[in-house]
Amino acid sequence: MQVLVTGAAGFIGAALAERLLARGDSVIGVDNLNDYYDPALKHARLALLDKAGGSRFRFHKLDFADMAALEAALEGSAIDRIVHLGAQAGVRYSLENPAAYVQSNLVGHANLLELARHRQVEHMVYASSSSVYGGNDKVPFSVDDRADHPVSLYAATKKADELLSESYAHLYRIPLTGLRFFTVYGPWGRPDMAMWIFTSKILAGEPIPVFNKGEMWRDFTFIDDIVAGVLAVLDKAPADDGAVKAGGSVKPHALYNIGNNQSEKLTDFIAVLEEALGQKAEIDWQPMQAGDVVRTFADIDAIIRDVGYRPTTPIQQGIPRFVEWYREYHGL
């Protein structure tokens, strides 16, 4: 099977591509290698994929929001399934550069839907986000909850992607599955996320910024658990049978939360990180940030029921594994 993976040089994309290659699939990777964070990390991930996949891994550096470039790169290549993970990430950066989100997350997503339509792929799985739940007070968040009051532009683009996908599933009967990712962490993670920022600053003896005076809760999900869930979903396309799918669609379109089903207080997360580092953190208490939410907590009953997904990594195991990788990657 040949799988197109967008965002293949990204955190989740590279980890997924590695697992696909390990089970014998071929992967076509697409990424524009932008400088939202250090491209050297993206190149290092790609080097691992080149080594793991050999001729079964091909990579195209391009912007999938450029349809002509995407079609030209993929001409003559068979594509059985698509995992569309590429996007402009980050809630806070969307306050500074909204145009990047419109181009990548809206135009880019529409391009992948068109590609799936014209290639008649078996299944396209795409990345949504827990951010779509906005300031919902009811926890845990269920895919059956309303999610039409986003508090960031990033969240709004992800909700729009779900709506675009619903229309394509209705009009063209393309099997589609959206995954609402909760906070993902682990080896090869992103430098703009709390795990990396906190680790870097604690080791440097610098204060770490903690928003809302620490009254924050997140459903932290280890990368291996995320990838296992994505693979399980990829291998089970929603049927075009008129039955109600997770998320409420009667088209071949499902929505799942993919998280750890645990909401950890940020100060507890920091305590585990301090223990793994063997070093105490100096805290810079900050007010709540615009576009952020106080709590995330994934109800994963639907993905457990449909594909047997069960995360197995608590933060007490996952955080030390990140710290070990971080020290090795930086030669510390």
C-alpha atoms as a PDB file:
ATOM      1  CA  MET A   1       0.000   0.000   0.000  1.00  0.00           C
ATOM      2  CA  GLN A   2       1.227   3.488  -0.852  1.00  0.00           C
ATOM      3  CA  VAL A   3       0.270   6.282   1.551  1.00  0.00           C
ATOM      4  CA  LEU A   4       0.593  10.005   0.964  1.00  0.00           C
ATOM      5  CA  VAL A   5       1.548  11.758   4.212  1.00  0.00           C
ATOM      6  CA  THR A   6       1.475  15.548   4.329  1.00  0.00           C
ATOM      7  CA  GLY A   7       3.497  17.233   7.045  1.00  0.00           C
ATOM      8  CA  ALA A   8       5.876  14.286   6.739  1.00  0.00           C
ATOM      9  CA  ALA A   9       8.760  16.234   8.284  1.00  0.00           C
ATOM     10  CA  GLY A  10       6.595  17.300  11.201  1.00  0.00           C
ATOM     11  CA  PHE A  11       6.343  15.741  14.649  1.00  0.00           C
ATOM     12  CA  ILE A  12       3.350  13.443  14.127  1.00  0.00           C
ATOM     13  CA  GLY A  13       3.868  13.050  10.371  1.00  0.00           C
ATOM     14  CA  ALA A  14       7.413  11.736  10.679  1.00  0.00           C
ATOM     15  CA  ALA A  15       6.484   9.351  13.510  1.00  0.00           C
ATOM     16  CA  LEU A  16       3.557   8.008  11.480  1.00  0.00           C
ATOM     17  CA  ALA A  17       5.634   7.631   8.315  1.00  0.00           C
ATOM     18  CA  GLU A  18       8.224   5.682  10.270  1.00  0.00           C
ATOM     19  CA  ARG A  19       5.565   3.248  11.510  1.00  0.00           C
ATOM     20  CA  LEU A  20       4.043   2.870   8.049  1.00  0.00           C
ATOM     21  CA  LEU A  21       7.464   2.017   6.619  1.00  0.00           C
ATOM     22  CA  ALA A  22       8.152  -0.404   9.473  1.00  0.00           C
ATOM     23  CA  ARG A  23       5.020  -2.393   8.626  1.00  0.00           C
ATOM     24  CA  GLY A  24       5.953  -2.583   4.944  1.00  0.00           C
ATOM     25  CA  ASP A  25       3.985   0.243   3.349  1.00  0.00           C
ATOM     26  CA  SER A  26       5.423   2.779   0.929  1.00  0.00           C
ATOM     27  CA  VAL A  27       5.212   6.459   1.823  1.00  0.00           C
ATOM     28  CA  ILE A  28       5.181   9.608  -0.271  1.00  0.00           C
ATOM     29  CA  GLY A  29       5.995  12.499   2.041  1.00  0.00           C
ATOM     30  CA  VAL A  30       5.112  16.128   1.396  1.00  0.00           C
ATOM     31  CA  ASP A  31       6.257  19.112   3.481  1.00  0.00           C
ATOM     32  CA  ASN A  32       7.277  22.678   2.715  1.00  0.00           C
ATOM     33  CA  LEU A  33       9.924  22.674   5.486  1.00  0.00           C
ATOM     34  CA  ASN A  34       8.981  26.194   6.564  1.00  0.00           C
ATOM     35  CA  ASP A  35      10.783  28.037   9.341  1.00  0.00           C
ATOM     36  CA  TYR A  36       7.909  28.241  11.846  1.00  0.00           C
ATOM     37  CA  TYR A  37      10.447  26.321  13.931  1.00  0.00           C
ATOM     38  CA  ASP A  38      14.026  25.257  13.167  1.00  0.00           C
ATOM     39  CA  PRO A  39      14.040  23.373   9.829  1.00  0.00           C
ATOM     40  CA  ALA A  40      17.126  21.458  11.013  1.00  0.00           C
ATOM     41  CA  LEU A  41      14.841  19.355  13.225  1.00  0.00           C
ATOM     42  CA  LYS A  42      12.625  18.600  10.229  1.00  0.00           C
ATOM     43  CA  HIS A  43      15.624  17.588   8.128  1.00  0.00           C
ATOM     44  CA  ALA A  44      16.825  15.296  10.931  1.00  0.00           C
ATOM     45  CA  ARG A  45      13.435  13.555  10.997  1.00  0.00           C
ATOM     46  CA  LEU A  46      13.554  13.121   7.212  1.00  0.00           C
ATOM     47  CA  ALA A  47      17.018  11.595   7.458  1.00  0.00           C
ATOM     48  CA  LEU A  48      15.598   8.902   9.744  1.00  0.00           C
ATOM     49  CA  LEU A  49      12.818   8.193   7.246  1.00  0.00           C
ATOM     50  CA  ASP A  50      15.279   7.951   4.353  1.00  0.00           C
ATOM     51  CA  LYS A  51      17.295   5.431   6.337  1.00  0.00           C
ATOM     52  CA  ALA A  52      14.233   3.428   7.420  1.00  0.00           C
ATOM     53  CA  GLY A  53      12.422   3.378   4.106  1.00  0.00           C
ATOM     54  CA  GLY A  54      15.034   3.355   1.387  1.00  0.00           C
ATOM     55  CA  SER A  55      13.268   3.269  -1.965  1.00  0.00           C
ATOM     56  CA  ARG A  56       9.883   2.927  -0.229  1.00  0.00           C
ATOM     57  CA  PHE A  57      10.110   6.518   1.015  1.00  0.00           C
ATOM     58  CA  ARG A  58       9.955   9.431  -1.417  1.00  0.00           C
ATOM     59  CA  PHE A  59       9.840  13.042  -0.342  1.00  0.00           C
ATOM     60  CA  HIS A  60       8.656  16.188  -2.107  1.00  0.00           C
ATOM     61  CA  LYS A  61       9.450  19.616  -0.710  1.00  0.00           C
ATOM     62  CA  LEU A  62       6.420  21.663  -1.701  1.00  0.00           C
ATOM     63  CA  ASP A  63       3.527  23.700  -0.375  1.00  0.00           C
ATOM     64  CA  PHE A  64       0.343  21.616  -0.683  1.00  0.00           C
ATOM     65  CA  ALA A  65      -1.629  24.872  -0.816  1.00  0.00           C
ATOM     66  CA  ASP A  66      -0.133  25.162  -4.336  1.00  0.00           C
ATOM     67  CA  MET A  67      -2.347  22.750  -6.269  1.00  0.00           C
ATOM     68  CA  ALA A  68      -0.301  22.886  -9.474  1.00  0.00           C
ATOM     69  CA  ALA A  69       2.892  21.971  -7.618  1.00  0.00           C
ATOM     70  CA  LEU A  70       1.129  19.184  -5.728  1.00  0.00           C
ATOM     71  CA  GLU A  71      -0.322  17.631  -8.866  1.00  0.00           C
ATOM     72  CA  ALA A  72       2.961  17.913 -10.753  1.00  0.00           C
ATOM     73  CA  ALA A  73       4.902  16.192  -7.958  1.00  0.00           C
ATOM     74  CA  LEU A  74       2.409  13.333  -7.675  1.00  0.00           C
ATOM     75  CA  GLU A  75       1.870  12.753 -11.396  1.00  0.00           C
ATOM     76  CA  GLY A  76       2.299   9.072 -12.171  1.00  0.00           C
ATOM     77  CA  SER A  77       2.328   8.028  -8.505  1.00  0.00           C
ATOM     78  CA  ALA A  78      -0.319   5.636  -7.245  1.00  0.00           C
ATOM     79  CA  ILE A  79      -1.931   6.730  -3.981  1.00  0.00           C
ATOM     80  CA  ASP A  80      -4.050   4.277  -2.028  1.00  0.00           C
ATOM     81  CA  ARG A  81      -4.652   6.316   1.123  1.00  0.00           C
ATOM     82  CA  ILE A  82      -3.884   9.799   2.413  1.00  0.00           C
ATOM     83  CA  VAL A  83      -3.001  11.017   5.898  1.00  0.00           C
ATOM     84  CA  HIS A  84      -3.220  14.797   5.802  1.00  0.00           C
ATOM     85  CA  LEU A  85      -1.333  16.078   8.841  1.00  0.00           C
ATOM     86  CA  GLY A  86       0.300  19.129   7.308  1.00  0.00           C
ATOM     87  CA  ALA A  87      -0.978  22.484   8.585  1.00  0.00           C
ATOM     88  CA  GLN A  88       0.119  25.767  10.014  1.00  0.00           C
ATOM     89  CA  ALA A  89       0.187  24.828  13.678  1.00  0.00           C
ATOM     90  CA  GLY A  90       0.040  26.847  16.867  1.00  0.00           C
ATOM     91  CA  VAL A  91      -2.752  28.735  18.597  1.00  0.00           C
ATOM     92  CA  ARG A  92      -0.688  31.754  19.633  1.00  0.00           C
ATOM     93  CA  TYR A  93       1.013  32.279  16.263  1.00  0.00           C
ATOM     94  CA  SER A  94      -2.439  32.528  14.655  1.00  0.00           C
ATOM     95  CA  LEU A  95      -2.848  35.852  16.469  1.00  0.00           C
ATOM     96  CA  GLU A  96       0.232  37.195  14.683  1.00  0.00           C
ATOM     97  CA  ASN A  97      -0.068  35.713  11.189  1.00  0.00           C
ATOM     98  CA  PRO A  98      -3.655  34.739  10.352  1.00  0.00           C
ATOM     99  CA  ALA A  99      -2.983  34.667   6.609  1.00  0.00           C
ATOM    100  CA  ALA A 100      -0.665  31.671   7.017  1.00  0.00           C
ATOM    101  CA  TYR A 101      -3.528  29.699   8.580  1.00  0.00           C
ATOM    102  CA  VAL A 102      -6.026  30.587   5.883  1.00  0.00           C
ATOM    103  CA  GLN A 103      -3.609  29.531   3.152  1.00  0.00           C
ATOM    104  CA  SER A 104      -2.297  26.298   4.675  1.00  0.00           C
ATOM    105  CA  ASN A 105      -5.262  25.086   6.708  1.00  0.00           C
ATOM    106  CA  LEU A 106      -8.126  26.103   4.422  1.00  0.00           C
ATOM    107  CA  VAL A 107      -6.738  26.244   0.876  1.00  0.00           C
ATOM    108  CA  GLY A 108      -4.363  23.363   1.596  1.00  0.00           C
ATOM    109  CA  HIS A 109      -7.082  21.161   3.063  1.00  0.00           C
ATOM    110  CA  ALA A 110      -9.375  21.845   0.104  1.00  0.00           C
ATOM    111  CA  ASN A 111      -6.550  20.813  -2.241  1.00  0.00           C
ATOM    112  CA  LEU A 112      -6.128  17.481  -0.447  1.00  0.00           C
ATOM    113  CA  LEU A 113      -9.864  16.846  -0.636  1.00  0.00           C
ATOM    114  CA  GLU A 114      -9.737  17.497  -4.373  1.00  0.00           C
ATOM    115  CA  LEU A 115      -6.784  15.147  -4.721  1.00  0.00           C
ATOM    116  CA  ALA A 116      -8.665  12.448  -2.795  1.00  0.00           C
ATOM    117  CA  ARG A 117     -11.714  12.975  -5.005  1.00  0.00           C
ATOM    118  CA  HIS A 118      -9.903  12.754  -8.322  1.00  0.00           C
ATOM    119  CA  ARG A 119      -7.695   9.840  -7.238  1.00  0.00           C
ATOM    120  CA  GLN A 120     -10.648   7.995  -5.654  1.00  0.00           C
ATOM    121  CA  VAL A 121      -8.514   7.047  -2.660  1.00  0.00           C
ATOM    122  CA  GLU A 122      -9.643   4.309  -0.267  1.00  0.00           C
ATOM    123  CA  HIS A 123      -9.569   6.636   2.744  1.00  0.00           C
ATOM    124  CA  MET A 124      -8.271  10.046   3.759  1.00  0.00           C
ATOM    125  CA  VAL A 125      -7.518  10.707   7.419  1.00  0.00           C
ATOM    126  CA  TYR A 126      -6.943  14.343   8.343  1.00  0.00           C
ATOM    127  CA  ALA A 127      -5.825  16.291  11.388  1.00  0.00           C
ATOM    128  CA  SER A 128      -8.345  18.336  13.272  1.00  0.00           C
ATOM    129  CA  SER A 129      -7.718  19.586  16.813  1.00  0.00           C
ATOM    130  CA  SER A 130      -9.097  19.637  20.328  1.00  0.00           C
ATOM    131  CA  SER A 131      -9.027  23.425  19.889  1.00  0.00           C
ATOM    132  CA  VAL A 132     -12.363  23.195  18.049  1.00  0.00           C
ATOM    133  CA  TYR A 133     -14.110  22.768  21.412  1.00  0.00           C
ATOM    134  CA  GLY A 134     -13.266  26.369  22.286  1.00  0.00           C
ATOM    135  CA  GLY A 135     -14.270  27.342  25.792  1.00  0.00           C
ATOM    136  CA  ASN A 136     -16.666  24.416  26.338  1.00  0.00           C
ATOM    137  CA  ASP A 137     -17.228  23.941  30.061  1.00  0.00           C
ATOM    138  CA  LYS A 138     -18.484  20.347  29.832  1.00  0.00           C
ATOM    139  CA  VAL A 139     -15.671  17.822  30.237  1.00  0.00           C
ATOM    140  CA  PRO A 140     -14.548  15.432  28.969  1.00  0.00           C
ATOM    141  CA  PHE A 141     -15.029  16.777  25.436  1.00  0.00           C
ATOM    142  CA  SER A 142     -17.128  14.451  23.281  1.00  0.00           C
ATOM    143  CA  VAL A 143     -17.290  14.394  19.491  1.00  0.00           C
ATOM    144  CA  ASP A 144     -21.049  14.760  19.953  1.00  0.00           C
ATOM    145  CA  ASP A 145     -20.632  18.123  21.710  1.00  0.00           C
ATOM    146  CA  ARG A 146     -21.209  21.344  19.795  1.00  0.00           C
ATOM    147  CA  ALA A 147     -17.970  22.860  18.551  1.00  0.00           C
ATOM    148  CA  ASP A 148     -18.978  26.053  16.786  1.00  0.00           C
ATOM    149  CA  HIS A 149     -17.555  28.722  19.113  1.00  0.00           C
ATOM    150  CA  PRO A 150     -13.781  28.669  18.480  1.00  0.00           C
ATOM    151  CA  VAL A 151     -11.632  31.040  20.526  1.00  0.00           C
ATOM    152  CA  SER A 152      -8.695  31.157  18.078  1.00  0.00           C
ATOM    153  CA  LEU A 153      -8.300  31.440  14.322  1.00  0.00           C
ATOM    154  CA  TYR A 154      -6.367  28.160  14.356  1.00  0.00           C
ATOM    155  CA  ALA A 155      -9.391  26.425  15.891  1.00  0.00           C
ATOM    156  CA  ALA A 156     -11.721  28.080  13.388  1.00  0.00           C
ATOM    157  CA  THR A 157      -9.680  26.740  10.460  1.00  0.00           C
ATOM    158  CA  LYS A 158      -9.754  23.231  11.892  1.00  0.00           C
ATOM    159  CA  LYS A 159     -13.515  23.349  12.367  1.00  0.00           C
ATOM    160  CA  ALA A 160     -13.848  24.642   8.798  1.00  0.00           C
ATOM    161  CA  ASP A 161     -11.795  21.658   7.608  1.00  0.00           C
ATOM    162  CA  GLU A 162     -14.305  19.327   9.252  1.00  0.00           C
ATOM    163  CA  LEU A 163     -17.182  21.089   7.490  1.00  0.00           C
ATOM    164  CA  LEU A 164     -15.419  20.975   4.115  1.00  0.00           C
ATOM    165  CA  SER A 165     -14.817  17.270   4.637  1.00  0.00           C
ATOM    166  CA  GLU A 166     -18.458  16.644   5.491  1.00  0.00           C
ATOM    167  CA  SER A 167     -19.518  18.271   2.234  1.00  0.00           C
ATOM    168  CA  TYR A 168     -17.036  16.164   0.205  1.00  0.00           C
ATOM    169  CA  ALA A 169     -18.198  12.996   1.921  1.00  0.00           C
ATOM    170  CA  HIS A 170     -21.773  13.937   1.006  1.00  0.00           C
ATOM    171  CA  LEU A 171     -21.164  15.046  -2.572  1.00  0.00           C
ATOM    172  CA  TYR A 172     -18.470  12.594  -3.657  1.00  0.00           C
ATOM    173  CA  ARG A 173     -18.846   9.741  -1.112  1.00  0.00           C
ATOM    174  CA  ILE A 174     -15.142   9.868  -0.241  1.00  0.00           C
ATOM    175  CA  PRO A 175     -14.350   7.978   3.007  1.00  0.00           C
ATOM    176  CA  LEU A 176     -12.938  10.622   5.377  1.00  0.00           C
ATOM    177  CA  THR A 177     -11.950  10.623   9.040  1.00  0.00           C
ATOM    178  CA  GLY A 178     -11.021  13.671  11.089  1.00  0.00           C
ATOM    179  CA  LEU A 179      -8.914  13.277  14.225  1.00  0.00           C
ATOM    180  CA  ARG A 180      -9.190  15.870  16.973  1.00  0.00           C
ATOM    181  CA  PHE A 181      -5.701  15.646  18.443  1.00  0.00           C
ATOM    182  CA  PHE A 182      -5.149  16.572  22.055  1.00  0.00           C
ATOM    183  CA  THR A 183      -1.777  17.849  23.324  1.00  0.00           C
ATOM    184  CA  VAL A 184       0.843  15.544  21.786  1.00  0.00           C
ATOM    185  CA  TYR A 185       4.347  15.209  23.232  1.00  0.00           C
ATOM    186  CA  GLY A 186       7.326  12.884  23.085  1.00  0.00           C
ATOM    187  CA  PRO A 187      10.689  12.372  21.338  1.00  0.00           C
ATOM    188  CA  TRP A 188      11.163  14.473  18.185  1.00  0.00           C
ATOM    189  CA  GLY A 189       8.479  16.889  19.428  1.00  0.00           C
ATOM    190  CA  ARG A 190       7.946  20.513  18.462  1.00  0.00           C
ATOM    191  CA  PRO A 191      10.112  23.311  19.932  1.00  0.00           C
ATOM    192  CA  ASP A 192       7.098  25.654  20.187  1.00  0.00           C
ATOM    193  CA  MET A 193       5.248  23.383  22.620  1.00  0.00           C
ATOM    194  CA  ALA A 194       5.350  23.475  26.410  1.00  0.00           C
ATOM    195  CA  MET A 195       7.344  20.263  26.865  1.00  0.00           C
ATOM    196  CA  TRP A 196      10.279  21.513  24.807  1.00  0.00           C
ATOM    197  CA  ILE A 197      10.090  25.117  26.052  1.00  0.00           C
ATOM    198  CA  PHE A 198       9.984  24.075  29.710  1.00  0.00           C
ATOM    199  CA  THR A 199      12.795  21.537  29.324  1.00  0.00           C
ATOM    200  CA  SER A 200      15.040  24.023  27.538  1.00  0.00           C
ATOM    201  CA  LYS A 201      14.482  26.793  30.070  1.00  0.00           C
ATOM    202  CA  ILE A 202      14.788  24.612  33.172  1.00  0.00           C
ATOM    203  CA  LEU A 203      18.120  23.209  31.950  1.00  0.00           C
ATOM    204  CA  ALA A 204      19.313  26.768  31.211  1.00  0.00           C
ATOM    205  CA  GLY A 205      18.236  27.986  34.653  1.00  0.00           C
ATOM    206  CA  GLU A 206      15.690  30.355  33.122  1.00  0.00           C
ATOM    207  CA  PRO A 207      12.130  30.912  34.394  1.00  0.00           C
ATOM    208  CA  ILE A 208       9.343  29.074  32.569  1.00  0.00           C
ATOM    209  CA  PRO A 209       6.158  30.963  31.611  1.00  0.00           C
ATOM    210  CA  VAL A 210       3.077  29.390  33.195  1.00  0.00           C
ATOM    211  CA  PHE A 211      -0.217  30.926  32.099  1.00  0.00           C
ATOM    212  CA  ASN A 212      -3.396  31.509  34.083  1.00  0.00           C
ATOM    213  CA  LYS A 213      -1.242  31.201  37.224  1.00  0.00           C
ATOM    214  CA  GLY A 214      -1.043  27.456  36.738  1.00  0.00           C
ATOM    215  CA  GLU A 215      -4.809  26.879  36.673  1.00  0.00           C
ATOM    216  CA  MET A 216      -4.545  24.974  33.404  1.00  0.00           C
ATOM    217  CA  TRP A 217      -5.317  21.340  32.566  1.00  0.00           C
ATOM    218  CA  ARG A 218      -4.306  19.420  29.456  1.00  0.00           C
ATOM    219  CA  ASP A 219      -4.893  15.937  28.054  1.00  0.00           C
ATOM    220  CA  PHE A 220      -1.226  15.127  27.317  1.00  0.00           C
ATOM    221  CA  THR A 221      -0.925  12.267  24.817  1.00  0.00           C
ATOM    222  CA  PHE A 222       2.320  10.432  24.065  1.00  0.00           C
ATOM    223  CA  ILE A 223       3.375  10.240  20.429  1.00  0.00           C
ATOM    224  CA  ASP A 224       3.431   6.419  20.275  1.00  0.00           C
ATOM    225  CA  ASP A 225      -0.190   6.300  21.433  1.00  0.00           C
ATOM    226  CA  ILE A 226      -1.170   8.915  18.855  1.00  0.00           C
ATOM    227  CA  VAL A 227       0.476   7.016  15.996  1.00  0.00           C
ATOM    228  CA  ALA A 228      -1.144   3.739  17.055  1.00  0.00           C
ATOM    229  CA  GLY A 229      -4.513   5.475  16.927  1.00  0.00           C
ATOM    230  CA  VAL A 230      -3.909   7.050  13.530  1.00  0.00           C
ATOM    231  CA  LEU A 231      -2.915   3.686  12.048  1.00  0.00           C
ATOM    232  CA  ALA A 232      -5.944   1.941  13.524  1.00  0.00           C
ATOM    233  CA  VAL A 233      -8.238   4.588  12.052  1.00  0.00           C
ATOM    234  CA  LEU A 234      -6.457   4.596   8.677  1.00  0.00           C
ATOM    235  CA  ASP A 235      -7.076   0.874   8.344  1.00  0.00           C
ATOM    236  CA  LYS A 236     -10.821   1.182   8.993  1.00  0.00           C
ATOM    237  CA  ALA A 237     -12.507   3.635   6.622  1.00  0.00           C
ATOM    238  CA  PRO A 238     -16.042   4.732   7.527  1.00  0.00           C
ATOM    239  CA  ALA A 239     -18.627   2.850   5.496  1.00  0.00           C
ATOM    240  CA  ASP A 240     -21.034   4.564   3.108  1.00  0.00           C
ATOM    241  CA  ASP A 241     -24.006   2.774   4.665  1.00  0.00           C
ATOM    242  CA  GLY A 242     -26.196   5.596   5.956  1.00  0.00           C
ATOM    243  CA  ALA A 243     -25.463   4.680   9.575  1.00  0.00           C
ATOM    244  CA  VAL A 244     -24.589   7.424  12.058  1.00  0.00           C
ATOM    245  CA  LYS A 245     -20.821   7.729  12.455  1.00  0.00           C
ATOM    246  CA  ALA A 246     -18.819   9.110  15.365  1.00  0.00           C
ATOM    247  CA  GLY A 247     -19.398  12.845  15.261  1.00  0.00           C
ATOM    248  CA  GLY A 248     -22.936  12.494  13.909  1.00  0.00           C
ATOM    249  CA  SER A 249     -22.494  12.212  10.125  1.00  0.00           C
ATOM    250  CA  VAL A 250     -24.537   9.720   8.126  1.00  0.00           C
ATOM    251  CA  LYS A 251     -22.074  10.087   5.254  1.00  0.00           C
ATOM    252  CA  PRO A 252     -18.765   8.151   5.046  1.00  0.00           C
ATOM    253  CA  HIS A 253     -17.209  10.705   7.421  1.00  0.00           C
ATOM    254  CA  ALA A 254     -16.200  10.073  11.036  1.00  0.00           C
ATOM    255  CA  LEU A 255     -14.739  12.337  13.713  1.00  0.00           C
ATOM    256  CA  TYR A 256     -12.756  11.052  16.670  1.00  0.00           C
ATOM    257  CA  ASN A 257     -11.028  12.505  19.681  1.00  0.00           C
ATOM    258  CA  ILE A 258      -7.546  11.061  19.990  1.00  0.00           C
ATOM    259  CA  GLY A 259      -6.148  11.726  23.435  1.00  0.00           C
ATOM    260  CA  ASN A 260      -5.026  10.091  26.659  1.00  0.00           C
ATOM    261  CA  ASN A 261      -8.407  10.344  28.431  1.00  0.00           C
ATOM    262  CA  GLN A 262      -6.652  12.067  31.354  1.00  0.00           C
ATOM    263  CA  SER A 263      -6.690  15.787  32.156  1.00  0.00           C
ATOM    264  CA  GLU A 264      -3.471  16.668  33.967  1.00  0.00           C
ATOM    265  CA  LYS A 265      -2.989  19.916  35.879  1.00  0.00           C
ATOM    266  CA  LEU A 266      -0.084  21.847  34.377  1.00  0.00           C
ATOM    267  CA  THR A 267       1.683  22.186  37.738  1.00  0.00           C
ATOM    268  CA  ASP A 268       1.601  18.370  38.143  1.00  0.00           C
ATOM    269  CA  PHE A 269       3.045  18.025  34.636  1.00  0.00           C
ATOM    270  CA  ILE A 270       5.856  20.413  35.619  1.00  0.00           C
ATOM    271  CA  ALA A 271       6.560  18.406  38.784  1.00  0.00           C
ATOM    272  CA  VAL A 272       7.055  15.213  36.752  1.00  0.00           C
ATOM    273  CA  LEU A 273       9.327  17.106  34.345  1.00  0.00           C
ATOM    274  CA  GLU A 274      11.391  18.485  37.242  1.00  0.00           C
ATOM    275  CA  GLU A 275      11.887  14.972  38.570  1.00  0.00           C
ATOM    276  CA  ALA A 276      12.930  13.661  35.142  1.00  0.00           C
ATOM    277  CA  LEU A 277      15.424  16.522  34.744  1.00  0.00           C
ATOM    278  CA  GLY A 278      16.657  16.385  38.327  1.00  0.00           C
ATOM    279  CA  GLN A 279      16.276  20.144  38.470  1.00  0.00           C
ATOM    280  CA  LYS A 280      13.668  22.525  39.905  1.00  0.00           C
ATOM    281  CA  ALA A 281      11.859  25.047  37.719  1.00  0.00           C
ATOM    282  CA  GLU A 282      11.672  28.750  38.381  1.00  0.00           C
ATOM    283  CA  ILE A 283       8.109  29.816  37.561  1.00  0.00           C
ATOM    284  CA  ASP A 284       7.133  33.019  35.784  1.00  0.00           C
ATOM    285  CA  TRP A 285       3.400  33.223  36.539  1.00  0.00           C
ATOM    286  CA  GLN A 286       1.505  34.743  33.617  1.00  0.00           C
ATOM    287  CA  PRO A 287      -2.144  35.727  33.022  1.00  0.00           C
ATOM    288  CA  MET A 288      -4.361  33.779  30.637  1.00  0.00           C
ATOM    289  CA  GLN A 289      -3.348  34.165  26.994  1.00  0.00           C
ATOM    290  CA  ALA A 290      -5.778  35.270  24.303  1.00  0.00           C
ATOM    291  CA  GLY A 291      -7.028  32.322  22.247  1.00  0.00           C
ATOM    292  CA  ASP A 292      -6.098  29.748  24.895  1.00  0.00           C
ATOM    293  CA  VAL A 293      -8.421  27.490  26.891  1.00  0.00           C
ATOM    294  CA  VAL A 294      -8.265  26.463  30.543  1.00  0.00           C
ATOM    295  CA  ARG A 295      -8.896  22.741  30.159  1.00  0.00           C
ATOM    296  CA  THR A 296      -8.799  19.969  27.575  1.00  0.00           C
ATOM    297  CA  PHE A 297      -9.968  16.431  28.286  1.00  0.00           C
ATOM    298  CA  ALA A 298     -10.708  13.825  25.611  1.00  0.00           C
ATOM    299  CA  ASP A 299     -13.710  11.517  25.725  1.00  0.00           C
ATOM    300  CA  ILE A 300     -12.335   8.647  23.631  1.00  0.00           C
ATOM    301  CA  ASP A 301     -15.272   6.230  23.896  1.00  0.00           C
ATOM    302  CA  ALA A 302     -16.010   6.457  20.153  1.00  0.00           C
ATOM    303  CA  ILE A 303     -12.487   5.603  18.964  1.00  0.00           C
ATOM    304  CA  ILE A 304     -12.239   2.815  21.551  1.00  0.00           C
ATOM    305  CA  ARG A 305     -15.537   1.361  20.310  1.00  0.00           C
ATOM    306  CA  ASP A 306     -14.801   1.613  16.604  1.00  0.00           C
ATOM    307  CA  VAL A 307     -11.091   0.751  16.283  1.00  0.00           C
ATOM    308  CA  GLY A 308      -9.993  -0.483  19.712  1.00  0.00           C
ATOM    309  CA  TYR A 309      -7.718   2.490  20.435  1.00  0.00           C
ATOM    310  CA  ARG A 310      -6.352   2.496  23.982  1.00  0.00           C
ATOM    311  CA  PRO A 311      -3.516   4.819  25.056  1.00  0.00           C
ATOM    312  CA  THR A 312      -1.042   3.172  27.419  1.00  0.00           C
ATOM    313  CA  THR A 313       1.504   5.860  28.328  1.00  0.00           C
ATOM    314  CA  PRO A 314       0.984   8.041  31.425  1.00  0.00           C
ATOM    315  CA  ILE A 315       3.011  11.240  31.787  1.00  0.00           C
ATOM    316  CA  GLN A 316       5.138   9.543  34.456  1.00  0.00           C
ATOM    317  CA  GLN A 317       6.508   7.306  31.672  1.00  0.00           C
ATOM    318  CA  GLY A 318       6.268   9.627  28.672  1.00  0.00           C
ATOM    319  CA  ILE A 319       7.990  12.695  30.096  1.00  0.00           C
ATOM    320  CA  PRO A 320      11.213  10.865  31.077  1.00  0.00           C
ATOM    321  CA  ARG A 321      11.330   9.375  27.573  1.00  0.00           C
ATOM    322  CA  PHE A 322      11.164  12.871  26.071  1.00  0.00           C
ATOM    323  CA  VAL A 323      13.873  14.133  28.439  1.00  0.00           C
ATOM    324  CA  GLU A 324      16.149  11.222  27.520  1.00  0.00           C
ATOM    325  CA  TRP A 325      15.687  11.978  23.814  1.00  0.00           C
ATOM    326  CA  TYR A 326      16.146  15.730  24.339  1.00  0.00           C
ATOM    327  CA  ARG A 327      19.477  15.256  26.107  1.00  0.00           C
ATOM    328  CA  GLU A 328      20.698  12.878  23.395  1.00  0.00           C
ATOM    329  CA  TYR A 329      19.558  15.124  20.531  1.00  0.00           C
ATOM    330  CA  HIS A 330      21.321  18.151  22.038  1.00  0.00           C
ATOM    331  CA  GLY A 331      24.378  16.226  23.249  1.00  0.00           C
ATOM    332  CA  LEU A 332      23.715  17.093  26.897  1.00  0.00           C
END
